[in-house]
Amino acid sequence: MKFYFLLIFFTQNNIFLTLTNFKGEVLIWKSLGRLKIKGLKKVTNSLIKNFIFSNLNEIKTQKDLKLHVKLKGYNKSKKLFIRFLLIFLQETVSSFTDISNEPTNGCKLKKKRRL
């Protein structure tokens, strides 16, 4: 059985996919911006569907394959993307993790007072 990591990075205007093997070597790197047609938005329902089906079709055809999906970042269509991804790769996905950094509004040093 082969284990692969599918890293999905969401930005405000784009989505990046990176498929790596267990050692961390990049096998596939794609962005949603490559499919964009001039004058249209990048993040639309039909474009997301086409992006997943066209780029991850070769992964689905392999047998004895398990994917660990890691999500990072925020986007208004993140839920939609995950839903389409789970529909397409339902048998191969073994785990989902979200490694997005939540702002903690951490401690800040006090400003030095000048006299």
PDB file of N, CA and C in Angstrom:
ATOM      1  N   MET A   1       0.841  -1.180   0.000  1.00  0.00           N
ATOM      2  CA  MET A   1       0.000   0.000   0.000  1.00  0.00           C
ATOM      3  C   MET A   1       0.888   1.246   0.000  1.00  0.00           C
ATOM      4  N   LYS A   2       0.541   2.218  -0.825  1.00  0.00           N
ATOM      5  CA  LYS A   2       1.323   3.441  -0.950  1.00  0.00           C
ATOM      6  C   LYS A   2       0.605   4.570  -0.202  1.00  0.00           C
ATOM      7  N   PHE A   3       1.380   5.371   0.528  1.00  0.00           N
ATOM      8  CA  PHE A   3       0.838   6.518   1.239  1.00  0.00           C
ATOM      9  C   PHE A   3       1.366   7.798   0.588  1.00  0.00           C
ATOM     10  N   TYR A   4       0.455   8.723   0.320  1.00  0.00           N
ATOM     11  CA  TYR A   4       0.809  10.013  -0.249  1.00  0.00           C
ATOM     12  C   TYR A   4       0.166  11.116   0.568  1.00  0.00           C
ATOM     13  N   PHE A   5       0.764  12.299   0.527  1.00  0.00           N
ATOM     14  CA  PHE A   5       0.215  13.471   1.196  1.00  0.00           C
ATOM     15  C   PHE A   5      -0.284  14.438   0.135  1.00  0.00           C
ATOM     16  N   LEU A   6      -1.524  14.866   0.269  1.00  0.00           N
ATOM     17  CA  LEU A   6      -2.102  15.872  -0.615  1.00  0.00           C
ATOM     18  C   LEU A   6      -2.237  17.150   0.193  1.00  0.00           C
ATOM     19  N   LEU A   7      -1.387  18.132  -0.102  1.00  0.00           N
ATOM     20  CA  LEU A   7      -1.395  19.405   0.608  1.00  0.00           C
ATOM     21  C   LEU A   7      -2.188  20.408  -0.206  1.00  0.00           C
ATOM     22  N   ILE A   8      -3.200  21.005   0.409  1.00  0.00           N
ATOM     23  CA  ILE A   8      -4.045  21.973  -0.279  1.00  0.00           C
ATOM     24  C   ILE A   8      -3.907  23.300   0.451  1.00  0.00           C
ATOM     25  N   PHE A   9      -3.424  24.305  -0.260  1.00  0.00           N
ATOM     26  CA  PHE A   9      -3.207  25.627   0.315  1.00  0.00           C
ATOM     27  C   PHE A   9      -4.208  26.599  -0.298  1.00  0.00           C
ATOM     28  N   PHE A  10      -5.035  27.196   0.551  1.00  0.00           N
ATOM     29  CA  PHE A  10      -6.052  28.142   0.106  1.00  0.00           C
ATOM     30  C   PHE A  10      -5.570  29.561   0.355  1.00  0.00           C
ATOM     31  N   THR A  11      -5.603  30.384  -0.682  1.00  0.00           N
ATOM     32  CA  THR A  11      -5.378  31.814  -0.520  1.00  0.00           C
ATOM     33  C   THR A  11      -6.682  32.513  -0.848  1.00  0.00           C
ATOM     34  N   GLN A  12      -6.695  33.797  -0.749  1.00  0.00           N
ATOM     35  CA  GLN A  12      -7.932  34.534  -0.986  1.00  0.00           C
ATOM     36  C   GLN A  12      -8.425  34.373  -2.421  1.00  0.00           C
ATOM     37  N   ASN A  13      -7.505  34.317  -3.378  1.00  0.00           N
ATOM     38  CA  ASN A  13      -7.894  34.272  -4.780  1.00  0.00           C
ATOM     39  C   ASN A  13      -7.455  33.015  -5.525  1.00  0.00           C
ATOM     40  N   ASN A  14      -6.837  32.066  -4.849  1.00  0.00           N
ATOM     41  CA  ASN A  14      -6.303  30.914  -5.554  1.00  0.00           C
ATOM     42  C   ASN A  14      -6.270  29.697  -4.635  1.00  0.00           C
ATOM     43  N   ILE A  15      -6.123  28.522  -5.250  1.00  0.00           N
ATOM     44  CA  ILE A  15      -5.997  27.271  -4.517  1.00  0.00           C
ATOM     45  C   ILE A  15      -4.836  26.494  -5.137  1.00  0.00           C
ATOM     46  N   PHE A  16      -3.928  26.000  -4.290  1.00  0.00           N
ATOM     47  CA  PHE A  16      -2.765  25.257  -4.741  1.00  0.00           C
ATOM     48  C   PHE A  16      -2.836  23.824  -4.244  1.00  0.00           C
ATOM     49  N   LEU A  17      -2.518  22.865  -5.118  1.00  0.00           N
ATOM     50  CA  LEU A  17      -2.468  21.443  -4.770  1.00  0.00           C
ATOM     51  C   LEU A  17      -1.033  20.958  -4.896  1.00  0.00           C
ATOM     52  N   THR A  18      -0.568  20.214  -3.913  1.00  0.00           N
ATOM     53  CA  THR A  18       0.754  19.605  -3.972  1.00  0.00           C
ATOM     54  C   THR A  18       0.624  18.162  -3.514  1.00  0.00           C
ATOM     55  N   LEU A  19       1.051  17.240  -4.344  1.00  0.00           N
ATOM     56  CA  LEU A  19       1.041  15.826  -3.998  1.00  0.00           C
ATOM     57  C   LEU A  19       2.475  15.400  -3.749  1.00  0.00           C
ATOM     58  N   THR A  20       2.743  14.891  -2.540  1.00  0.00           N
ATOM     59  CA  THR A  20       4.081  14.443  -2.193  1.00  0.00           C
ATOM     60  C   THR A  20       4.038  12.993  -1.754  1.00  0.00           C
ATOM     61  N   ASN A  21       5.169  12.330  -1.885  1.00  0.00           N
ATOM     62  CA  ASN A  21       5.247  10.963  -1.393  1.00  0.00           C
ATOM     63  C   ASN A  21       5.633  10.998   0.080  1.00  0.00           C
ATOM     64  N   PHE A  22       5.882   9.838   0.652  1.00  0.00           N
ATOM     65  CA  PHE A  22       6.164   9.740   2.080  1.00  0.00           C
ATOM     66  C   PHE A  22       7.474  10.427   2.459  1.00  0.00           C
ATOM     67  N   LYS A  23       8.420  10.489   1.521  1.00  0.00           N
ATOM     68  CA  LYS A  23       9.714  11.125   1.778  1.00  0.00           C
ATOM     69  C   LYS A  23       9.665  12.644   1.638  1.00  0.00           C
ATOM     70  N   GLY A  24       8.592  13.190   1.072  1.00  0.00           N
ATOM     71  CA  GLY A  24       8.469  14.630   0.896  1.00  0.00           C
ATOM     72  C   GLY A  24       8.823  15.109  -0.494  1.00  0.00           C
ATOM     73  N   GLU A  25       9.049  14.201  -1.428  1.00  0.00           N
ATOM     74  CA  GLU A  25       9.363  14.586  -2.805  1.00  0.00           C
ATOM     75  C   GLU A  25       8.076  14.973  -3.520  1.00  0.00           C
ATOM     76  N   VAL A  26       8.091  16.120  -4.185  1.00  0.00           N
ATOM     77  CA  VAL A  26       6.902  16.631  -4.865  1.00  0.00           C
ATOM     78  C   VAL A  26       6.668  15.848  -6.153  1.00  0.00           C
ATOM     79  N   LEU A  27       5.476  15.282  -6.291  1.00  0.00           N
ATOM     80  CA  LEU A  27       5.109  14.536  -7.487  1.00  0.00           C
ATOM     81  C   LEU A  27       4.260  15.390  -8.422  1.00  0.00           C
ATOM     82  N   ILE A  28       3.306  16.121  -7.865  1.00  0.00           N
ATOM     83  CA  ILE A  28       2.412  16.974  -8.663  1.00  0.00           C
ATOM     84  C   ILE A  28       2.264  18.307  -7.940  1.00  0.00           C
ATOM     85  N   TRP A  29       2.334  19.403  -8.693  1.00  0.00           N
ATOM     86  CA  TRP A  29       2.066  20.728  -8.150  1.00  0.00           C
ATOM     87  C   TRP A  29       1.176  21.449  -9.149  1.00  0.00           C
ATOM     88  N   LYS A  30      -0.005  21.849  -8.726  1.00  0.00           N
ATOM     89  CA  LYS A  30      -0.965  22.527  -9.611  1.00  0.00           C
ATOM     90  C   LYS A  30      -1.582  23.711  -8.880  1.00  0.00           C
ATOM     91  N   SER A  31      -2.041  24.687  -9.652  1.00  0.00           N
ATOM     92  CA  SER A  31      -2.793  25.801  -9.077  1.00  0.00           C
ATOM     93  C   SER A  31      -4.056  26.021  -9.892  1.00  0.00           C
ATOM     94  N   LEU A  32      -5.063  26.542  -9.230  1.00  0.00           N
ATOM     95  CA  LEU A  32      -6.341  26.786  -9.875  1.00  0.00           C
ATOM     96  C   LEU A  32      -6.228  27.900 -10.915  1.00  0.00           C
ATOM     97  N   GLY A  33      -5.241  28.778 -10.748  1.00  0.00           N
ATOM     98  CA  GLY A  33      -5.043  29.889 -11.669  1.00  0.00           C
ATOM     99  C   GLY A  33      -4.669  29.463 -13.079  1.00  0.00           C
ATOM    100  N   ARG A  34      -4.137  28.243 -13.240  1.00  0.00           N
ATOM    101  CA  ARG A  34      -3.767  27.760 -14.581  1.00  0.00           C
ATOM    102  C   ARG A  34      -4.981  27.538 -15.471  1.00  0.00           C
ATOM    103  N   LEU A  35      -6.117  27.171 -14.858  1.00  0.00           N
ATOM    104  CA  LEU A  35      -7.324  26.904 -15.637  1.00  0.00           C
ATOM    105  C   LEU A  35      -8.143  28.155 -15.929  1.00  0.00           C
ATOM    106  N   LYS A  36      -7.761  29.257 -15.312  1.00  0.00           N
ATOM    107  CA  LYS A  36      -8.565  30.472 -15.410  1.00  0.00           C
ATOM    108  C   LYS A  36      -8.661  30.973 -16.847  1.00  0.00           C
ATOM    109  N   ILE A  37      -9.869  31.344 -17.220  1.00  0.00           N
ATOM    110  CA  ILE A  37     -10.114  31.963 -18.511  1.00  0.00           C
ATOM    111  C   ILE A  37     -10.149  33.470 -18.293  1.00  0.00           C
ATOM    112  N   LYS A  38      -9.551  34.203 -19.184  1.00  0.00           N
ATOM    113  CA  LYS A  38      -9.435  35.643 -19.022  1.00  0.00           C
ATOM    114  C   LYS A  38     -10.811  36.286 -18.866  1.00  0.00           C
ATOM    115  N   GLY A  39     -10.933  37.122 -17.863  1.00  0.00           N
ATOM    116  CA  GLY A  39     -12.180  37.829 -17.624  1.00  0.00           C
ATOM    117  C   GLY A  39     -13.106  37.141 -16.645  1.00  0.00           C
ATOM    118  N   LEU A  40     -12.789  35.919 -16.222  1.00  0.00           N
ATOM    119  CA  LEU A  40     -13.617  35.199 -15.256  1.00  0.00           C
ATOM    120  C   LEU A  40     -12.902  35.104 -13.912  1.00  0.00           C
ATOM    121  N   LYS A  41     -13.693  34.889 -12.862  1.00  0.00           N
ATOM    122  CA  LYS A  41     -13.106  34.670 -11.540  1.00  0.00           C
ATOM    123  C   LYS A  41     -12.449  33.301 -11.497  1.00  0.00           C
ATOM    124  N   LYS A  42     -11.423  33.166 -10.659  1.00  0.00           N
ATOM    125  CA  LYS A  42     -10.719  31.887 -10.534  1.00  0.00           C
ATOM    126  C   LYS A  42     -11.527  30.884  -9.732  1.00  0.00           C
ATOM    127  N   VAL A  43     -12.160  31.342  -8.689  1.00  0.00           N
ATOM    128  CA  VAL A  43     -12.810  30.429  -7.752  1.00  0.00           C
ATOM    129  C   VAL A  43     -14.316  30.411  -8.027  1.00  0.00           C
ATOM    130  N   THR A  44     -14.739  29.514  -8.923  1.00  0.00           N
ATOM    131  CA  THR A  44     -16.155  29.293  -9.195  1.00  0.00           C
ATOM    132  C   THR A  44     -16.442  27.799  -9.099  1.00  0.00           C
ATOM    133  N   ASN A  45     -17.720  27.452  -8.971  1.00  0.00           N
ATOM    134  CA  ASN A  45     -18.099  26.043  -8.803  1.00  0.00           C
ATOM    135  C   ASN A  45     -17.618  25.173  -9.953  1.00  0.00           C
ATOM    136  N   SER A  46     -17.899  25.580 -11.171  1.00  0.00           N
ATOM    137  CA  SER A  46     -17.536  24.759 -12.322  1.00  0.00           C
ATOM    138  C   SER A  46     -16.022  24.643 -12.485  1.00  0.00           C
ATOM    139  N   LEU A  47     -15.301  25.710 -12.200  1.00  0.00           N
ATOM    140  CA  LEU A  47     -13.842  25.681 -12.323  1.00  0.00           C
ATOM    141  C   LEU A  47     -13.216  24.773 -11.257  1.00  0.00           C
ATOM    142  N   ILE A  48     -13.770  24.791 -10.053  1.00  0.00           N
ATOM    143  CA  ILE A  48     -13.277  23.910  -8.987  1.00  0.00           C
ATOM    144  C   ILE A  48     -13.508  22.450  -9.356  1.00  0.00           C
ATOM    145  N   LYS A  49     -14.702  22.140  -9.874  1.00  0.00           N
ATOM    146  CA  LYS A  49     -15.015  20.767 -10.287  1.00  0.00           C
ATOM    147  C   LYS A  49     -14.060  20.293 -11.371  1.00  0.00           C
ATOM    148  N   ASN A  50     -13.869  21.107 -12.404  1.00  0.00           N
ATOM    149  CA  ASN A  50     -12.965  20.745 -13.502  1.00  0.00           C
ATOM    150  C   ASN A  50     -11.534  20.569 -13.005  1.00  0.00           C
ATOM    151  N   PHE A  51     -11.117  21.437 -12.090  1.00  0.00           N
ATOM    152  CA  PHE A  51      -9.760  21.382 -11.539  1.00  0.00           C
ATOM    153  C   PHE A  51      -9.527  20.068 -10.806  1.00  0.00           C
ATOM    154  N   ILE A  52     -10.457  19.669  -9.959  1.00  0.00           N
ATOM    155  CA  ILE A  52     -10.310  18.419  -9.201  1.00  0.00           C
ATOM    156  C   ILE A  52     -10.353  17.218 -10.134  1.00  0.00           C
ATOM    157  N   PHE A  53     -11.331  17.176 -11.026  1.00  0.00           N
ATOM    158  CA  PHE A  53     -11.486  16.005 -11.888  1.00  0.00           C
ATOM    159  C   PHE A  53     -10.342  15.859 -12.880  1.00  0.00           C
ATOM    160  N   SER A  54      -9.832  16.953 -13.410  1.00  0.00           N
ATOM    161  CA  SER A  54      -8.759  16.846 -14.399  1.00  0.00           C
ATOM    162  C   SER A  54      -7.404  16.542 -13.758  1.00  0.00           C
ATOM    163  N   ASN A  55      -7.114  17.128 -12.597  1.00  0.00           N
ATOM    164  CA  ASN A  55      -5.787  16.972 -12.002  1.00  0.00           C
ATOM    165  C   ASN A  55      -5.652  15.748 -11.107  1.00  0.00           C
ATOM    166  N   LEU A  56      -6.732  15.296 -10.525  1.00  0.00           N
ATOM    167  CA  LEU A  56      -6.632  14.165  -9.609  1.00  0.00           C
ATOM    168  C   LEU A  56      -7.138  12.868 -10.216  1.00  0.00           C
ATOM    169  N   ASN A  57      -7.405  12.860 -11.505  1.00  0.00           N
ATOM    170  CA  ASN A  57      -7.887  11.657 -12.173  1.00  0.00           C
ATOM    171  C   ASN A  57      -6.818  10.570 -12.193  1.00  0.00           C
ATOM    172  N   GLU A  58      -5.559  10.959 -12.389  1.00  0.00           N
ATOM    173  CA  GLU A  58      -4.481   9.974 -12.426  1.00  0.00           C
ATOM    174  C   GLU A  58      -4.236   9.348 -11.047  1.00  0.00           C
ATOM    175  N   ILE A  59      -4.550  10.065  -9.989  1.00  0.00           N
ATOM    176  CA  ILE A  59      -4.412   9.519  -8.640  1.00  0.00           C
ATOM    177  C   ILE A  59      -5.485   8.468  -8.379  1.00  0.00           C
ATOM    178  N   LYS A  60      -6.681   8.741  -8.830  1.00  0.00           N
ATOM    179  CA  LYS A  60      -7.805   7.849  -8.564  1.00  0.00           C
ATOM    180  C   LYS A  60      -7.651   6.507  -9.275  1.00  0.00           C
ATOM    181  N   THR A  61      -6.963   6.483 -10.408  1.00  0.00           N
ATOM    182  CA  THR A  61      -6.831   5.243 -11.172  1.00  0.00           C
ATOM    183  C   THR A  61      -5.856   4.249 -10.525  1.00  0.00           C
ATOM    184  N   GLN A  62      -4.958   4.730  -9.676  1.00  0.00           N
ATOM    185  CA  GLN A  62      -3.995   3.837  -9.020  1.00  0.00           C
ATOM    186  C   GLN A  62      -4.689   3.041  -7.924  1.00  0.00           C
ATOM    187  N   LYS A  63      -4.311   1.770  -7.812  1.00  0.00           N
ATOM    188  CA  LYS A  63      -4.885   0.924  -6.767  1.00  0.00           C
ATOM    189  C   LYS A  63      -3.908   0.835  -5.601  1.00  0.00           C
ATOM    190  N   ASP A  64      -4.408   0.448  -4.451  1.00  0.00           N
ATOM    191  CA  ASP A  64      -3.615   0.360  -3.218  1.00  0.00           C
ATOM    192  C   ASP A  64      -2.970   1.694  -2.883  1.00  0.00           C
ATOM    193  N   LEU A  65      -3.774   2.742  -2.854  1.00  0.00           N
ATOM    194  CA  LEU A  65      -3.276   4.088  -2.616  1.00  0.00           C
ATOM    195  C   LEU A  65      -4.090   4.715  -1.495  1.00  0.00           C
ATOM    196  N   LYS A  66      -3.415   5.319  -0.527  1.00  0.00           N
ATOM    197  CA  LYS A  66      -4.079   6.035   0.554  1.00  0.00           C
ATOM    198  C   LYS A  66      -3.542   7.456   0.608  1.00  0.00           C
ATOM    199  N   LEU A  67      -4.440   8.426   0.737  1.00  0.00           N
ATOM    200  CA  LEU A  67      -4.073   9.836   0.796  1.00  0.00           C
ATOM    201  C   LEU A  67      -4.304  10.392   2.188  1.00  0.00           C
ATOM    202  N   HIS A  68      -3.357  11.191   2.646  1.00  0.00           N
ATOM    203  CA  HIS A  68      -3.525  11.987   3.847  1.00  0.00           C
ATOM    204  C   HIS A  68      -3.643  13.431   3.370  1.00  0.00           C
ATOM    205  N   VAL A  69      -4.789  14.042   3.580  1.00  0.00           N
ATOM    206  CA  VAL A  69      -5.051  15.380   3.071  1.00  0.00           C
ATOM    207  C   VAL A  69      -4.784  16.398   4.170  1.00  0.00           C
ATOM    208  N   LYS A  70      -3.948  17.398   3.857  1.00  0.00           N
ATOM    209  CA  LYS A  70      -3.664  18.488   4.781  1.00  0.00           C
ATOM    210  C   LYS A  70      -4.161  19.785   4.162  1.00  0.00           C
ATOM    211  N   LEU A  71      -4.966  20.519   4.898  1.00  0.00           N
ATOM    212  CA  LEU A  71      -5.524  21.781   4.434  1.00  0.00           C
ATOM    213  C   LEU A  71      -4.866  22.925   5.180  1.00  0.00           C
ATOM    214  N   LYS A  72      -4.634  24.024   4.466  1.00  0.00           N
ATOM    215  CA  LYS A  72      -4.046  25.190   5.096  1.00  0.00           C
ATOM    216  C   LYS A  72      -4.594  26.441   4.432  1.00  0.00           C
ATOM    217  N   GLY A  73      -4.928  27.427   5.227  1.00  0.00           N
ATOM    218  CA  GLY A  73      -5.397  28.690   4.701  1.00  0.00           C
ATOM    219  C   GLY A  73      -6.910  28.811   4.717  1.00  0.00           C
ATOM    220  N   TYR A  74      -7.373  29.970   4.309  1.00  0.00           N
ATOM    221  CA  TYR A  74      -8.795  30.261   4.313  1.00  0.00           C
ATOM    222  C   TYR A  74      -9.221  30.770   2.949  1.00  0.00           C
ATOM    223  N   ASN A  75     -10.441  30.406   2.565  1.00  0.00           N
ATOM    224  CA  ASN A  75     -11.016  30.836   1.293  1.00  0.00           C
ATOM    225  C   ASN A  75     -12.519  30.720   1.436  1.00  0.00           C
ATOM    226  N   LYS A  76     -13.248  31.548   0.716  1.00  0.00           N
ATOM    227  CA  LYS A  76     -14.704  31.496   0.835  1.00  0.00           C
ATOM    228  C   LYS A  76     -15.292  30.220   0.231  1.00  0.00           C
ATOM    229  N   SER A  77     -14.559  29.540  -0.621  1.00  0.00           N
ATOM    230  CA  SER A  77     -15.065  28.314  -1.238  1.00  0.00           C
ATOM    231  C   SER A  77     -14.354  27.067  -0.717  1.00  0.00           C
ATOM    232  N   LYS A  78     -13.817  27.133   0.483  1.00  0.00           N
ATOM    233  CA  LYS A  78     -13.078  26.004   1.057  1.00  0.00           C
ATOM    234  C   LYS A  78     -13.987  24.800   1.282  1.00  0.00           C
ATOM    235  N   LYS A  79     -15.181  25.018   1.820  1.00  0.00           N
ATOM    236  CA  LYS A  79     -16.122  23.920   2.061  1.00  0.00           C
ATOM    237  C   LYS A  79     -16.536  23.250   0.764  1.00  0.00           C
ATOM    238  N   LEU A  80     -16.799  24.050  -0.250  1.00  0.00           N
ATOM    239  CA  LEU A  80     -17.202  23.529  -1.544  1.00  0.00           C
ATOM    240  C   LEU A  80     -16.092  22.671  -2.152  1.00  0.00           C
ATOM    241  N   PHE A  81     -14.860  23.143  -2.061  1.00  0.00           N
ATOM    242  CA  PHE A  81     -13.716  22.404  -2.588  1.00  0.00           C
ATOM    243  C   PHE A  81     -13.562  21.065  -1.872  1.00  0.00           C
ATOM    244  N   ILE A  82     -13.690  21.074  -0.557  1.00  0.00           N
ATOM    245  CA  ILE A  82     -13.554  19.837   0.227  1.00  0.00           C
ATOM    246  C   ILE A  82     -14.677  18.864  -0.117  1.00  0.00           C
ATOM    247  N   ARG A  83     -15.871  19.363  -0.311  1.00  0.00           N
ATOM    248  CA  ARG A  83     -17.002  18.503  -0.662  1.00  0.00           C
ATOM    249  C   ARG A  83     -16.763  17.802  -1.998  1.00  0.00           C
ATOM    250  N   PHE A  84     -16.338  18.551  -3.011  1.00  0.00           N
ATOM    251  CA  PHE A  84     -16.044  17.956  -4.318  1.00  0.00           C
ATOM    252  C   PHE A  84     -14.880  16.963  -4.218  1.00  0.00           C
ATOM    253  N   LEU A  85     -13.882  17.293  -3.404  1.00  0.00           N
ATOM    254  CA  LEU A  85     -12.730  16.413  -3.235  1.00  0.00           C
ATOM    255  C   LEU A  85     -13.139  15.090  -2.596  1.00  0.00           C
ATOM    256  N   LEU A  86     -13.983  15.147  -1.585  1.00  0.00           N
ATOM    257  CA  LEU A  86     -14.433  13.916  -0.930  1.00  0.00           C
ATOM    258  C   LEU A  86     -15.319  13.072  -1.832  1.00  0.00           C
ATOM    259  N   ILE A  87     -16.126  13.717  -2.652  1.00  0.00           N
ATOM    260  CA  ILE A  87     -16.961  12.968  -3.598  1.00  0.00           C
ATOM    261  C   ILE A  87     -16.083  12.248  -4.614  1.00  0.00           C
ATOM    262  N   PHE A  88     -15.046  12.907  -5.079  1.00  0.00           N
ATOM    263  CA  PHE A  88     -14.192  12.338  -6.118  1.00  0.00           C
ATOM    264  C   PHE A  88     -13.227  11.280  -5.580  1.00  0.00           C
ATOM    265  N   LEU A  89     -12.655  11.506  -4.409  1.00  0.00           N
ATOM    266  CA  LEU A  89     -11.636  10.606  -3.868  1.00  0.00           C
ATOM    267  C   LEU A  89     -12.113   9.888  -2.605  1.00  0.00           C
ATOM    268  N   GLN A  90     -13.362   9.483  -2.555  1.00  0.00           N
ATOM    269  CA  GLN A  90     -13.914   8.955  -1.314  1.00  0.00           C
ATOM    270  C   GLN A  90     -13.234   7.688  -0.816  1.00  0.00           C
ATOM    271  N   GLU A  91     -12.810   6.778  -1.677  1.00  0.00           N
ATOM    272  CA  GLU A  91     -12.198   5.521  -1.224  1.00  0.00           C
ATOM    273  C   GLU A  91     -10.730   5.689  -0.857  1.00  0.00           C
ATOM    274  N   THR A  92     -10.048   6.663  -1.446  1.00  0.00           N
ATOM    275  CA  THR A  92      -8.602   6.771  -1.250  1.00  0.00           C
ATOM    276  C   THR A  92      -8.200   7.648  -0.075  1.00  0.00           C
ATOM    277  N   VAL A  93      -9.071   8.524   0.409  1.00  0.00           N
ATOM    278  CA  VAL A  93      -8.717   9.431   1.502  1.00  0.00           C
ATOM    279  C   VAL A  93      -8.773   8.680   2.821  1.00  0.00           C
ATOM    280  N   SER A  94      -7.658   8.689   3.563  1.00  0.00           N
ATOM    281  CA  SER A  94      -7.644   8.001   4.854  1.00  0.00           C
ATOM    282  C   SER A  94      -7.713   8.977   6.026  1.00  0.00           C
ATOM    283  N   SER A  95      -7.221  10.217   5.856  1.00  0.00           N
ATOM    284  CA  SER A  95      -7.307  11.188   6.950  1.00  0.00           C
ATOM    285  C   SER A  95      -7.334  12.611   6.410  1.00  0.00           C
ATOM    286  N   PHE A  96      -7.914  13.495   7.219  1.00  0.00           N
ATOM    287  CA  PHE A  96      -8.018  14.916   6.912  1.00  0.00           C
ATOM    288  C   PHE A  96      -7.469  15.692   8.100  1.00  0.00           C
ATOM    289  N   THR A  97      -6.599  16.646   7.848  1.00  0.00           N
ATOM    290  CA  THR A  97      -6.154  17.548   8.911  1.00  0.00           C
ATOM    291  C   THR A  97      -6.157  18.968   8.383  1.00  0.00           C
ATOM    292  N   ASP A  98      -6.488  19.891   9.260  1.00  0.00           N
ATOM    293  CA  ASP A  98      -6.474  21.306   8.908  1.00  0.00           C
ATOM    294  C   ASP A  98      -5.391  21.971   9.744  1.00  0.00           C
ATOM    295  N   ILE A  99      -4.351  22.455   9.088  1.00  0.00           N
ATOM    296  CA  ILE A  99      -3.220  23.046   9.798  1.00  0.00           C
ATOM    297  C   ILE A  99      -3.195  24.566   9.634  1.00  0.00           C
ATOM    298  N   SER A 100      -4.369  25.170   9.494  1.00  0.00           N
ATOM    299  CA  SER A 100      -4.461  26.619   9.358  1.00  0.00           C
ATOM    300  C   SER A 100      -4.108  27.278  10.679  1.00  0.00           C
ATOM    301  N   ASN A 101      -3.352  28.328  10.601  1.00  0.00           N
ATOM    302  CA  ASN A 101      -2.968  29.065  11.807  1.00  0.00           C
ATOM    303  C   ASN A 101      -4.065  30.045  12.166  1.00  0.00           C
ATOM    304  N   GLU A 102      -4.583  29.895  13.358  1.00  0.00           N
ATOM    305  CA  GLU A 102      -5.581  30.842  13.843  1.00  0.00           C
ATOM    306  C   GLU A 102      -4.859  31.958  14.573  1.00  0.00           C
ATOM    307  N   PRO A 103      -5.244  33.200  14.319  1.00  0.00           N
ATOM    308  CA  PRO A 103      -4.572  34.286  15.030  1.00  0.00           C
ATOM    309  C   PRO A 103      -4.904  34.229  16.520  1.00  0.00           C
ATOM    310  N   THR A 104      -3.899  34.352  17.346  1.00  0.00           N
ATOM    311  CA  THR A 104      -4.117  34.307  18.792  1.00  0.00           C
ATOM    312  C   THR A 104      -4.016  35.689  19.412  1.00  0.00           C
ATOM    313  N   ASN A 105      -3.703  36.688  18.604  1.00  0.00           N
ATOM    314  CA  ASN A 105      -3.492  38.046  19.105  1.00  0.00           C
ATOM    315  C   ASN A 105      -2.571  38.001  20.320  1.00  0.00           C
ATOM    316  N   GLY A 106      -1.422  37.407  20.086  1.00  0.00           N
ATOM    317  CA  GLY A 106      -0.467  37.105  21.146  1.00  0.00           C
ATOM    318  C   GLY A 106       0.098  38.316  21.840  1.00  0.00           C
ATOM    319  N   CYS A 107       0.938  38.047  22.788  1.00  0.00           N
ATOM    320  CA  CYS A 107       1.527  39.089  23.616  1.00  0.00           C
ATOM    321  C   CYS A 107       2.455  39.962  22.780  1.00  0.00           C
ATOM    322  N   LYS A 108       2.370  41.214  23.030  1.00  0.00           N
ATOM    323  CA  LYS A 108       3.195  42.185  22.331  1.00  0.00           C
ATOM    324  C   LYS A 108       4.006  42.934  23.392  1.00  0.00           C
ATOM    325  N   LEU A 109       5.251  43.192  23.101  1.00  0.00           N
ATOM    326  CA  LEU A 109       6.061  43.935  24.068  1.00  0.00           C
ATOM    327  C   LEU A 109       5.509  45.342  24.263  1.00  0.00           C
ATOM    328  N   LYS A 110       5.562  45.804  25.505  1.00  0.00           N
ATOM    329  CA  LYS A 110       5.080  47.153  25.780  1.00  0.00           C
ATOM    330  C   LYS A 110       6.029  48.161  25.135  1.00  0.00           C
ATOM    331  N   LYS A 111       5.424  49.243  24.684  1.00  0.00           N
ATOM    332  CA  LYS A 111       6.216  50.297  24.092  1.00  0.00           C
ATOM    333  C   LYS A 111       7.043  50.982  25.179  1.00  0.00           C
ATOM    334  N   LYS A 112       8.315  51.249  24.889  1.00  0.00           N
ATOM    335  CA  LYS A 112       9.140  51.916  25.875  1.00  0.00           C
ATOM    336  C   LYS A 112       8.732  53.374  25.984  1.00  0.00           C
ATOM    337  N   ARG A 113       8.604  53.792  27.199  1.00  0.00           N
ATOM    338  CA  ARG A 113       8.173  55.161  27.443  1.00  0.00           C
ATOM    339  C   ARG A 113       9.360  56.106  27.315  1.00  0.00           C
ATOM    340  N   ARG A 114       9.145  57.156  26.571  1.00  0.00           N
ATOM    341  CA  ARG A 114      10.214  58.157  26.398  1.00  0.00           C
ATOM    342  C   ARG A 114       9.939  59.345  27.290  1.00  0.00           C
ATOM    343  N   LEU A 115      10.993  59.880  27.867  1.00  0.00           N
ATOM    344  CA  LEU A 115      10.834  61.074  28.723  1.00  0.00           C
ATOM    345  C   LEU A 115      11.306  62.306  28.016  1.00  0.00           C
TER     346      LEU A 115
END
